[in-house]
N, C-alpha and C. Protein backbone atom coordinates (compact mmCIF):
# COMPACT_ATOMS: atom_id res chain seq x y z
N MET A 1 -6.18 146.93 -110.15
CA MET A 1 -4.66 146.77 -109.30
C MET A 1 -4.36 148.05 -108.72
N ARG A 2 -4.80 148.95 -109.83
CA ARG A 2 -4.45 150.25 -109.41
C ARG A 2 -5.19 150.73 -108.03
N ASN A 3 -6.47 150.30 -108.02
CA ASN A 3 -7.03 151.10 -106.82
C ASN A 3 -6.41 150.15 -105.89
N LEU A 4 -5.87 148.97 -105.91
CA LEU A 4 -5.58 148.24 -104.75
C LEU A 4 -3.85 149.06 -104.53
N ALA A 5 -3.43 148.99 -105.11
CA ALA A 5 -2.17 149.96 -104.74
C ALA A 5 -2.80 151.43 -104.15
N LEU A 6 -3.55 152.22 -104.81
CA LEU A 6 -3.86 152.98 -104.30
C LEU A 6 -4.48 152.92 -102.61
N ALA A 7 -5.01 151.93 -102.54
CA ALA A 7 -5.48 151.22 -101.16
C ALA A 7 -4.23 151.44 -100.31
N VAL A 8 -3.31 150.66 -100.75
CA VAL A 8 -1.98 150.25 -99.63
C VAL A 8 -1.28 151.83 -99.63
N LEU A 9 -1.36 152.55 -100.46
CA LEU A 9 -0.51 154.21 -100.02
C LEU A 9 -1.43 154.27 -99.46
N TYR A 10 -2.83 154.68 -99.41
CA TYR A 10 -3.49 155.66 -98.65
C TYR A 10 -3.19 154.82 -96.94
N THR A 11 -3.57 153.87 -96.79
CA THR A 11 -3.11 153.02 -95.52
C THR A 11 -1.79 153.63 -94.97
N ALA A 12 -0.34 153.67 -95.58
CA ALA A 12 0.75 154.11 -95.22
C ALA A 12 0.54 155.21 -95.04
N ALA A 13 0.08 156.16 -96.33
CA ALA A 13 0.16 157.48 -95.64
C ALA A 13 -0.52 157.93 -94.79
N THR A 14 -1.84 157.50 -94.04
CA THR A 14 -2.34 157.77 -93.07
C THR A 14 -1.60 157.74 -91.74
N ALA A 15 -0.87 156.52 -91.70
CA ALA A 15 -0.32 155.72 -90.53
C ALA A 15 1.54 156.49 -90.69
N LEU A 16 1.82 156.84 -91.42
CA LEU A 16 2.86 157.78 -91.51
C LEU A 16 3.11 159.12 -91.82
N ALA A 17 1.96 159.80 -91.86
CA ALA A 17 2.06 161.15 -92.27
C ALA A 17 3.08 162.29 -91.06
N ASN A 18 3.78 163.35 -91.77
CA ASN A 18 4.61 163.85 -91.16
C ASN A 18 4.62 165.23 -92.17
N PRO A 19 4.10 166.23 -91.50
CA PRO A 19 3.71 167.24 -92.44
C PRO A 19 5.22 168.19 -92.72
N ALA A 20 6.10 167.85 -92.06
CA ALA A 20 7.61 168.80 -92.70
C ALA A 20 8.20 167.84 -93.76
N LEU A 21 7.62 166.41 -93.84
CA LEU A 21 8.32 165.95 -95.12
C LEU A 21 7.22 165.58 -96.49
N ALA A 22 6.21 166.42 -96.22
CA ALA A 22 5.24 166.33 -97.22
C ALA A 22 5.81 166.56 -98.23
N ASP A 23 5.77 165.70 -99.52
CA ASP A 23 6.00 165.66 -100.85
C ASP A 23 4.96 166.58 -101.62
N VAL A 24 4.97 167.71 -101.57
CA VAL A 24 3.94 168.70 -102.23
C VAL A 24 4.46 168.61 -103.99
N ALA A 25 5.40 168.67 -104.52
CA ALA A 25 5.89 168.27 -105.68
C ALA A 25 5.14 166.68 -106.16
N ALA A 26 5.33 165.73 -105.66
CA ALA A 26 4.88 164.25 -106.09
C ALA A 26 3.27 164.77 -105.72
N ALA A 27 2.60 165.41 -104.84
CA ALA A 27 1.09 165.62 -105.00
C ALA A 27 0.92 166.61 -105.90
N GLN A 28 1.48 167.23 -106.73
CA GLN A 28 1.03 168.07 -108.01
C GLN A 28 1.13 167.38 -108.95
N ALA A 29 1.97 166.87 -109.16
CA ALA A 29 2.39 165.61 -110.09
C ALA A 29 0.87 164.83 -110.29
N LEU A 30 0.33 164.13 -109.11
CA LEU A 30 -0.63 163.34 -109.37
C LEU A 30 -2.05 164.19 -109.70
N ARG A 31 -2.14 165.63 -109.86
CA ARG A 31 -3.56 166.14 -110.27
C ARG A 31 -3.73 165.87 -111.57
N ASP A 32 -5.00 165.57 -111.63
CA ASP A 32 -5.71 164.78 -113.04
C ASP A 32 -7.34 165.52 -112.47
N GLY A 33 -7.99 165.54 -113.79
CA GLY A 33 -9.42 166.25 -114.00
C GLY A 33 -9.42 167.22 -113.24
N ASP A 34 -10.65 167.31 -112.19
CA ASP A 34 -10.86 168.84 -111.04
C ASP A 34 -9.68 168.96 -110.43
N MET A 35 -8.79 168.07 -109.84
CA MET A 35 -7.68 167.90 -109.02
C MET A 35 -6.58 169.21 -109.51
N LYS A 36 -6.88 169.18 -111.30
CA LYS A 36 -6.02 170.38 -111.57
C LYS A 36 -6.28 171.91 -111.34
N LYS A 37 -7.23 172.23 -110.70
CA LYS A 37 -7.85 173.56 -110.32
C LYS A 37 -7.23 173.61 -108.48
N LEU A 38 -6.55 172.48 -108.21
CA LEU A 38 -6.10 172.60 -106.66
C LEU A 38 -4.71 173.22 -106.91
N ASN A 39 -4.66 174.46 -106.36
CA ASN A 39 -3.28 175.21 -106.45
C ASN A 39 -2.33 174.93 -104.67
N PHE A 40 -1.25 174.79 -105.11
CA PHE A 40 -0.57 174.57 -104.13
C PHE A 40 0.62 175.87 -103.79
N HIS A 41 0.57 176.32 -102.89
CA HIS A 41 1.69 177.46 -102.13
C HIS A 41 2.73 176.80 -102.12
N SER A 42 3.62 178.15 -102.73
CA SER A 42 5.13 177.69 -102.82
C SER A 42 5.59 177.26 -101.68
N GLU A 43 5.06 177.79 -100.50
CA GLU A 43 5.75 177.58 -99.07
C GLU A 43 4.09 177.83 -98.14
N ALA A 44 4.31 176.86 -97.52
CA ALA A 44 2.88 176.52 -96.06
C ALA A 44 2.76 177.81 -95.45
N LYS A 45 1.23 178.20 -95.33
CA LYS A 45 1.28 179.41 -94.91
C LYS A 45 0.31 179.16 -93.47
N PRO A 46 0.39 179.92 -92.44
CA PRO A 46 -0.60 179.67 -91.29
C PRO A 46 -1.88 179.77 -92.46
N ALA A 47 -2.69 178.72 -91.19
CA ALA A 47 -4.07 178.73 -91.37
C ALA A 47 -4.99 179.90 -90.66
N GLY A 48 -6.40 180.24 -90.61
CA GLY A 48 -6.92 180.98 -89.71
C GLY A 48 -7.04 180.38 -88.81
N THR A 49 -6.77 181.49 -87.80
CA THR A 49 -7.06 181.35 -86.20
C THR A 49 -8.29 181.66 -85.35
N ALA A 50 -9.25 182.29 -86.33
CA ALA A 50 -10.55 182.82 -85.75
C ALA A 50 -11.30 181.34 -85.47
N ASP A 51 -12.20 181.66 -84.35
CA ASP A 51 -13.23 180.50 -84.00
C ASP A 51 -14.12 180.64 -85.11
N PHE A 52 -14.85 179.29 -84.99
CA PHE A 52 -15.61 179.45 -86.06
C PHE A 52 -16.96 178.17 -84.46
N THR A 53 -18.16 177.63 -84.67
CA THR A 53 -18.88 177.04 -83.79
C THR A 53 -19.14 175.99 -84.39
N SER A 54 -19.60 174.94 -83.16
CA SER A 54 -20.16 173.90 -83.62
C SER A 54 -21.88 173.75 -83.95
N PHE A 55 -22.54 172.96 -84.38
CA PHE A 55 -23.91 173.55 -84.53
C PHE A 55 -24.40 173.53 -83.64
N ASP A 56 -23.94 173.13 -82.63
CA ASP A 56 -24.92 173.49 -81.20
C ASP A 56 -24.26 174.80 -80.56
N GLY A 57 -23.23 175.44 -81.14
CA GLY A 57 -22.58 176.64 -80.37
C GLY A 57 -21.45 176.39 -79.56
N LYS A 58 -21.03 175.37 -79.81
CA LYS A 58 -19.88 175.15 -78.88
C LYS A 58 -18.51 176.33 -80.02
N ALA A 59 -17.43 177.09 -79.20
CA ALA A 59 -16.45 177.26 -79.96
C ALA A 59 -15.17 176.15 -80.42
N LEU A 60 -14.97 176.49 -81.62
CA LEU A 60 -14.27 175.66 -82.32
C LEU A 60 -13.29 176.78 -82.98
N ASN A 61 -12.17 175.63 -83.09
CA ASN A 61 -10.84 176.42 -83.80
C ASN A 61 -10.08 175.27 -84.54
N LEU A 62 -9.24 175.60 -85.41
CA LEU A 62 -8.38 174.55 -86.35
C LEU A 62 -7.70 173.97 -85.47
N SER A 63 -7.30 174.52 -84.77
CA SER A 63 -6.01 174.54 -83.74
C SER A 63 -6.09 173.00 -83.43
N ASP A 64 -7.77 172.72 -83.07
CA ASP A 64 -8.48 172.02 -82.28
C ASP A 64 -8.00 170.55 -83.04
N TRP A 65 -7.78 170.07 -84.30
CA TRP A 65 -7.38 169.30 -84.92
C TRP A 65 -5.95 169.23 -85.37
N GLN A 66 -5.04 170.18 -84.22
CA GLN A 66 -3.58 170.40 -84.89
C GLN A 66 -3.07 168.45 -84.47
N GLY A 67 -2.39 168.13 -85.48
CA GLY A 67 -1.87 166.56 -85.33
C GLY A 67 -2.40 165.86 -86.76
N LYS A 68 -3.24 166.55 -87.22
CA LYS A 68 -4.22 165.83 -88.39
C LYS A 68 -3.91 166.50 -89.68
N TRP A 69 -4.18 165.93 -90.73
CA TRP A 69 -4.47 166.67 -92.27
C TRP A 69 -5.82 167.01 -92.26
N LEU A 70 -6.09 168.16 -92.54
CA LEU A 70 -7.81 168.59 -92.87
C LEU A 70 -7.82 169.09 -94.15
N LEU A 71 -8.64 168.81 -94.29
CA LEU A 71 -9.87 168.97 -95.89
C LEU A 71 -10.80 170.17 -95.55
N VAL A 72 -10.33 171.37 -95.27
CA VAL A 72 -11.49 172.65 -94.73
C VAL A 72 -12.60 172.58 -95.67
N ASN A 73 -13.71 172.74 -95.89
CA ASN A 73 -14.52 173.26 -97.19
C ASN A 73 -15.06 174.15 -96.41
N PHE A 74 -15.35 175.12 -97.46
CA PHE A 74 -16.50 176.11 -96.71
C PHE A 74 -17.75 176.21 -98.06
N TRP A 75 -18.74 176.26 -97.39
CA TRP A 75 -19.89 176.02 -98.11
C TRP A 75 -21.05 176.89 -97.46
N ALA A 76 -22.08 176.87 -98.40
CA ALA A 76 -23.55 177.54 -97.59
C ALA A 76 -24.39 176.57 -98.40
N THR A 77 -26.07 177.04 -97.54
CA THR A 77 -27.12 176.25 -97.89
C THR A 77 -27.67 176.84 -99.21
N TRP A 78 -27.08 177.65 -99.73
CA TRP A 78 -27.67 178.43 -101.12
C TRP A 78 -27.01 177.81 -102.20
N CYS A 79 -25.54 177.35 -101.72
CA CYS A 79 -24.46 177.11 -102.74
C CYS A 79 -24.86 176.07 -103.90
N ALA A 80 -25.29 176.13 -104.90
CA ALA A 80 -25.64 174.98 -105.93
C ALA A 80 -24.14 173.57 -106.25
N PRO A 81 -23.22 174.55 -106.24
CA PRO A 81 -21.91 173.64 -106.22
C PRO A 81 -21.59 173.02 -104.89
N CYS A 82 -21.74 173.35 -104.15
CA CYS A 82 -21.87 173.27 -102.83
C CYS A 82 -22.48 171.61 -102.42
N ARG A 83 -23.86 171.94 -103.09
CA ARG A 83 -24.86 170.59 -102.82
C ARG A 83 -24.03 169.18 -103.83
N LYS A 84 -23.71 170.06 -104.96
CA LYS A 84 -23.21 168.71 -105.72
C LYS A 84 -21.89 168.12 -105.48
N GLU A 85 -20.75 168.64 -104.62
CA GLU A 85 -19.44 168.69 -104.24
C GLU A 85 -19.79 167.83 -102.68
N MET A 86 -20.67 168.03 -102.02
CA MET A 86 -20.78 167.40 -100.27
C MET A 86 -20.75 165.92 -100.49
N PRO A 87 -21.73 165.23 -101.29
CA PRO A 87 -21.70 164.08 -101.27
C PRO A 87 -20.51 163.09 -101.49
N MET A 88 -19.31 163.63 -102.11
CA MET A 88 -17.91 163.44 -102.81
C MET A 88 -17.21 163.53 -101.37
N LEU A 89 -17.46 164.75 -100.91
CA LEU A 89 -16.75 164.77 -99.48
C LEU A 89 -17.09 164.17 -98.39
N SER A 90 -18.10 163.97 -98.30
CA SER A 90 -18.74 162.77 -97.52
C SER A 90 -18.30 161.16 -97.57
N GLU A 91 -18.05 161.09 -99.18
CA GLU A 91 -17.58 159.82 -99.61
C GLU A 91 -15.90 159.72 -99.20
N LEU A 92 -15.28 160.49 -99.39
CA LEU A 92 -13.83 160.89 -98.89
C LEU A 92 -13.65 160.75 -97.68
N GLN A 93 -14.47 161.03 -96.99
CA GLN A 93 -14.52 161.26 -95.39
C GLN A 93 -14.45 159.39 -94.63
N THR A 94 -15.16 158.76 -95.38
CA THR A 94 -15.77 157.95 -95.30
C THR A 94 -14.30 156.87 -95.42
N GLU A 95 -13.72 157.24 -96.54
CA GLU A 95 -12.64 156.14 -97.10
C GLU A 95 -11.20 156.49 -96.26
N LEU A 96 -11.01 157.59 -95.73
CA LEU A 96 -9.79 158.47 -95.65
C LEU A 96 -9.60 158.83 -94.00
N GLY A 97 -11.01 159.36 -93.37
CA GLY A 97 -11.19 160.22 -92.26
C GLY A 97 -10.48 158.81 -91.06
N GLY A 98 -10.10 159.73 -90.43
CA GLY A 98 -9.56 158.55 -88.99
C GLY A 98 -8.77 159.29 -88.38
N GLU A 99 -7.80 158.68 -87.65
CA GLU A 99 -6.56 159.40 -87.30
C GLU A 99 -5.98 160.84 -87.40
N GLY A 100 -5.60 160.59 -88.84
CA GLY A 100 -4.81 161.10 -89.53
C GLY A 100 -5.11 161.99 -90.44
N PHE A 101 -6.51 162.04 -90.60
CA PHE A 101 -6.92 162.96 -91.46
C PHE A 101 -8.61 162.97 -91.47
N GLU A 102 -9.10 164.40 -91.96
CA GLU A 102 -10.52 164.50 -91.21
C GLU A 102 -10.70 165.70 -92.23
N VAL A 103 -12.30 165.48 -92.93
CA VAL A 103 -12.70 166.55 -93.73
C VAL A 103 -13.51 167.40 -92.45
N ILE A 104 -13.53 168.63 -92.94
CA ILE A 104 -14.29 169.80 -91.80
C ILE A 104 -15.35 170.87 -92.72
N THR A 105 -16.27 170.52 -92.59
CA THR A 105 -16.85 171.41 -93.43
C THR A 105 -17.39 172.50 -92.65
N ILE A 106 -17.44 173.36 -93.06
CA ILE A 106 -18.26 174.95 -92.62
C ILE A 106 -18.68 175.91 -93.41
N ALA A 107 -20.13 175.99 -92.38
CA ALA A 107 -21.39 176.77 -93.54
C ALA A 107 -20.84 178.07 -92.94
N THR A 108 -20.54 178.71 -94.12
CA THR A 108 -20.22 180.24 -93.53
C THR A 108 -21.22 181.06 -94.31
N GLY A 109 -21.46 182.53 -93.32
CA GLY A 109 -22.33 183.41 -93.58
C GLY A 109 -23.62 183.39 -93.06
N ARG A 110 -24.66 183.56 -93.41
CA ARG A 110 -26.15 183.01 -92.96
C ARG A 110 -26.74 181.59 -93.61
N ASN A 111 -26.17 181.16 -92.57
CA ASN A 111 -26.99 179.31 -93.17
C ASN A 111 -27.96 179.21 -91.83
N PRO A 112 -29.22 179.14 -91.84
CA PRO A 112 -29.67 178.88 -90.42
C PRO A 112 -29.83 177.43 -90.32
N PRO A 113 -29.70 177.38 -89.08
CA PRO A 113 -29.76 175.73 -88.61
C PRO A 113 -30.23 174.85 -89.44
N PRO A 114 -31.69 175.00 -89.07
CA PRO A 114 -32.75 174.33 -89.76
C PRO A 114 -32.43 173.91 -91.71
N ALA A 115 -31.68 174.71 -91.64
CA ALA A 115 -31.68 174.84 -93.68
C ALA A 115 -29.96 173.48 -93.53
N MET A 116 -29.60 174.13 -93.00
CA MET A 116 -28.08 173.17 -93.22
C MET A 116 -28.76 171.65 -92.60
N GLN A 117 -29.38 171.64 -91.76
CA GLN A 117 -29.49 170.11 -91.61
C GLN A 117 -30.34 169.34 -92.74
N GLU A 118 -31.35 170.52 -93.36
CA GLU A 118 -32.10 169.92 -94.60
C GLU A 118 -31.26 169.92 -95.54
N PHE A 119 -30.70 170.57 -95.78
CA PHE A 119 -29.36 170.40 -96.77
C PHE A 119 -28.90 168.92 -96.86
N PHE A 120 -28.23 169.09 -95.66
CA PHE A 120 -27.57 167.39 -95.33
C PHE A 120 -28.59 166.37 -95.95
N ALA A 121 -29.55 166.55 -95.09
CA ALA A 121 -30.95 165.54 -94.91
C ALA A 121 -30.99 164.85 -96.30
N GLU A 122 -31.24 166.12 -97.49
CA GLU A 122 -31.46 166.25 -98.69
C GLU A 122 -30.66 165.12 -99.71
N ILE A 123 -29.20 165.63 -99.66
CA ILE A 123 -28.25 164.83 -100.13
C ILE A 123 -27.48 163.71 -99.77
N GLY A 124 -28.18 163.33 -98.52
CA GLY A 124 -27.78 161.95 -97.88
C GLY A 124 -26.46 161.74 -97.18
N VAL A 125 -25.95 162.90 -96.88
CA VAL A 125 -24.77 163.09 -95.65
C VAL A 125 -25.03 163.22 -94.44
N ASP A 126 -24.53 162.30 -94.13
CA ASP A 126 -24.64 162.19 -92.61
C ASP A 126 -23.52 161.85 -91.50
N ASN A 127 -22.49 161.99 -92.09
CA ASN A 127 -20.84 161.77 -91.76
C ASN A 127 -19.87 162.98 -91.83
N LEU A 128 -20.37 164.20 -92.05
CA LEU A 128 -19.79 165.35 -91.77
C LEU A 128 -20.24 166.65 -90.92
N PRO A 129 -19.45 167.04 -90.69
CA PRO A 129 -19.88 168.30 -89.43
C PRO A 129 -20.74 169.44 -89.91
N LEU A 130 -21.64 169.77 -89.18
CA LEU A 130 -22.44 170.74 -89.55
C LEU A 130 -21.91 172.25 -88.82
N HIS A 131 -20.62 172.28 -88.80
CA HIS A 131 -19.88 173.82 -88.39
C HIS A 131 -20.17 174.88 -89.09
N ARG A 132 -19.83 175.62 -88.08
CA ARG A 132 -21.14 177.50 -88.51
C ARG A 132 -19.70 178.14 -88.23
N ASP A 133 -19.98 179.32 -89.57
CA ASP A 133 -19.13 180.61 -89.09
C ASP A 133 -20.04 181.71 -89.80
N PRO A 134 -21.05 181.76 -88.56
CA PRO A 134 -22.22 182.48 -89.07
C PRO A 134 -21.78 184.22 -89.48
N LYS A 135 -20.95 184.85 -88.85
CA LYS A 135 -20.05 186.24 -89.31
C LYS A 135 -19.09 185.93 -90.22
N SER A 136 -18.65 184.52 -90.65
CA SER A 136 -17.34 184.89 -91.61
C SER A 136 -16.29 184.95 -91.48
N GLY A 137 -16.06 185.21 -90.05
CA GLY A 137 -15.13 185.70 -89.54
C GLY A 137 -13.25 184.91 -89.85
N LEU A 138 -13.72 183.21 -89.32
CA LEU A 138 -12.76 182.63 -90.35
C LEU A 138 -12.60 182.84 -91.78
N ALA A 139 -13.82 182.54 -92.35
CA ALA A 139 -13.81 182.50 -94.31
C ALA A 139 -13.04 184.07 -94.19
N ARG A 140 -13.08 185.10 -93.86
CA ARG A 140 -12.62 186.35 -94.01
C ARG A 140 -11.25 186.02 -94.24
N GLN A 141 -10.68 185.56 -92.54
CA GLN A 141 -9.32 185.79 -92.50
C GLN A 141 -8.50 184.65 -93.18
N MET A 142 -9.29 183.65 -94.06
CA MET A 142 -8.33 182.92 -94.51
C MET A 142 -8.70 183.14 -96.39
N GLY A 143 -9.53 184.56 -96.48
CA GLY A 143 -9.76 184.96 -97.76
C GLY A 143 -10.27 184.61 -98.79
N VAL A 144 -11.72 183.77 -98.09
CA VAL A 144 -12.25 182.89 -98.77
C VAL A 144 -13.58 183.75 -99.71
N LEU A 145 -13.44 183.79 -100.87
CA LEU A 145 -13.83 184.26 -101.98
C LEU A 145 -14.76 183.68 -102.86
N GLY A 146 -16.17 183.82 -102.45
CA GLY A 146 -16.83 182.95 -103.49
C GLY A 146 -17.11 181.62 -103.18
N LEU A 147 -17.93 180.74 -103.01
CA LEU A 147 -17.78 179.26 -102.89
C LEU A 147 -18.26 177.86 -103.71
N PRO A 148 -18.06 177.14 -103.54
CA PRO A 148 -16.95 176.41 -102.23
C PRO A 148 -15.50 177.10 -102.49
N ILE A 149 -15.11 176.61 -101.73
CA ILE A 149 -13.40 177.38 -101.46
C ILE A 149 -13.16 175.64 -100.29
N THR A 150 -12.35 175.19 -100.57
CA THR A 150 -12.24 174.26 -99.93
C THR A 150 -9.99 174.22 -99.42
N VAL A 151 -9.72 174.58 -98.68
CA VAL A 151 -8.54 174.27 -98.25
C VAL A 151 -7.58 172.73 -97.56
N ILE A 152 -6.36 172.58 -98.11
CA ILE A 152 -5.49 171.76 -97.18
C ILE A 152 -4.88 172.01 -96.45
N VAL A 153 -4.95 171.52 -94.80
CA VAL A 153 -4.20 172.14 -94.07
C VAL A 153 -3.06 171.02 -93.22
N ASP A 154 -1.96 171.41 -93.00
CA ASP A 154 -1.32 170.13 -92.46
C ASP A 154 -1.17 169.89 -91.27
N PRO A 155 -0.72 168.93 -90.48
CA PRO A 155 -0.64 168.59 -89.05
C PRO A 155 -0.24 169.95 -88.33
N ASP A 156 0.59 170.65 -88.68
CA ASP A 156 0.78 171.86 -88.06
C ASP A 156 -0.15 173.36 -88.25
N GLY A 157 -1.02 173.18 -89.31
CA GLY A 157 -1.78 174.04 -88.91
C GLY A 157 -1.38 175.18 -89.87
N GLN A 158 -0.66 174.61 -90.77
CA GLN A 158 -0.41 174.99 -92.26
C GLN A 158 -1.37 174.98 -93.17
N GLU A 159 -1.46 176.16 -93.70
CA GLU A 159 -2.48 175.69 -95.29
C GLU A 159 -1.21 175.64 -96.54
N VAL A 160 -1.73 174.60 -97.12
CA VAL A 160 -0.79 174.15 -98.13
C VAL A 160 -1.51 174.21 -99.52
N ALA A 161 -2.22 173.79 -99.68
CA ALA A 161 -3.38 174.35 -101.04
C ALA A 161 -4.19 174.85 -100.97
N ARG A 162 -5.31 174.68 -102.04
CA ARG A 162 -6.89 175.60 -101.67
C ARG A 162 -7.10 175.07 -103.00
N MET A 163 -8.44 175.08 -103.78
CA MET A 163 -9.34 175.04 -104.10
C MET A 163 -10.53 175.80 -104.44
N GLN A 164 -10.58 176.56 -105.51
CA GLN A 164 -12.12 177.30 -105.49
C GLN A 164 -12.97 176.58 -106.80
N GLY A 165 -14.28 176.42 -106.22
CA GLY A 165 -15.19 175.57 -107.02
C GLY A 165 -15.12 173.90 -106.36
N ASP A 166 -15.95 173.57 -106.69
CA ASP A 166 -16.06 172.30 -106.57
C ASP A 166 -15.34 171.39 -107.28
N ALA A 167 -15.37 170.02 -107.05
CA ALA A 167 -14.35 169.25 -107.46
C ALA A 167 -14.54 167.74 -106.95
N GLU A 168 -14.56 166.48 -107.57
CA GLU A 168 -14.67 165.51 -107.50
C GLU A 168 -13.53 164.52 -106.33
N TRP A 169 -13.94 165.14 -105.07
CA TRP A 169 -12.89 164.51 -104.14
C TRP A 169 -12.90 163.29 -103.65
N ASN A 170 -13.85 162.60 -104.44
CA ASN A 170 -13.83 161.07 -103.96
C ASN A 170 -12.92 160.65 -105.07
N SER A 171 -12.39 161.30 -106.27
CA SER A 171 -11.88 160.63 -107.43
C SER A 171 -10.43 159.95 -107.14
N ASP A 172 -9.62 158.92 -107.75
CA ASP A 172 -8.47 158.51 -107.70
C ASP A 172 -7.64 159.59 -107.33
N SER A 173 -7.87 160.69 -108.64
CA SER A 173 -6.21 161.79 -108.33
C SER A 173 -6.88 162.77 -107.14
N ALA A 174 -7.85 162.82 -106.48
CA ALA A 174 -7.62 163.21 -105.39
C ALA A 174 -7.41 162.88 -104.59
N LYS A 175 -7.74 161.50 -104.04
CA LYS A 175 -7.09 160.51 -102.99
C LYS A 175 -5.82 160.21 -103.50
N ALA A 176 -5.20 160.02 -104.67
CA ALA A 176 -3.89 160.06 -104.87
C ALA A 176 -3.09 161.23 -104.29
N VAL A 177 -3.55 162.44 -104.92
CA VAL A 177 -3.16 163.73 -104.38
C VAL A 177 -2.95 163.85 -102.69
N LEU A 178 -3.70 163.30 -101.81
CA LEU A 178 -3.65 163.57 -100.47
C LEU A 178 -2.99 162.92 -100.26
N ALA A 179 -2.91 161.41 -100.57
CA ALA A 179 -2.15 160.45 -100.22
C ALA A 179 -0.41 160.86 -100.34
N ALA A 180 -0.06 161.26 -101.14
CA ALA A 180 1.12 162.03 -101.64
C ALA A 180 1.49 163.01 -100.53
N LEU A 181 0.59 163.78 -100.46
CA LEU A 181 0.82 164.67 -98.85
C LEU A 181 1.33 164.54 -97.78
N MET A 182 0.42 162.98 -97.44
CA MET A 182 0.41 162.80 -96.07
C MET A 182 1.57 161.35 -95.89
N ALA A 183 2.29 161.11 -97.27
CA ALA A 183 3.28 160.30 -96.99
C ALA A 183 4.36 160.43 -97.00
N PRO A 184 4.97 160.15 -96.00
CA PRO A 184 7.03 160.40 -95.69
C PRO A 184 7.60 160.68 -96.70
N LYS A 185 8.10 161.60 -96.82
CA LYS A 185 9.55 161.92 -98.16
C LYS A 185 10.12 160.79 -98.22
N SER A 186 10.82 160.38 -99.15
CA SER A 186 11.76 159.46 -98.90
C SER A 186 13.05 159.82 -99.05
């Protein structure tokens, strides 16, 4: 029954997302388990504006996803917690990804493209992007210290929360937190 209620909430949240009305207090109250490590900012702050690249070298910017909620994950091929977390991010993208929400993965620092492909192949992830930040420009601009770092960005391009370390992003708590953020305030 709880899963059905959460599914209805996720669907409604995605369809009715409005960043100006995000209910941060409700999202904070839903943190449980790993999500207790998710730190919400007292006020949303600008996300980074530095470019990064697609796997094939096309210039990208977080503003390319303006209008969507983003879960931006900074990772590296040598990062053991990233290896553990990535399949859960993949599952989250499968379940919630679409018109109003997207999981964006960005390998920061030295990550040879063949190693990135091998990393995803070994853990069975095929639905997340292999974006690159080879000189760590975006990571530095966003204050990424240590990996993994996951940042929640609202549709206006504002960072509303961040987590250092891996988490079970496919958990009911994670999905409930995201749904609460995306749901319009009543």
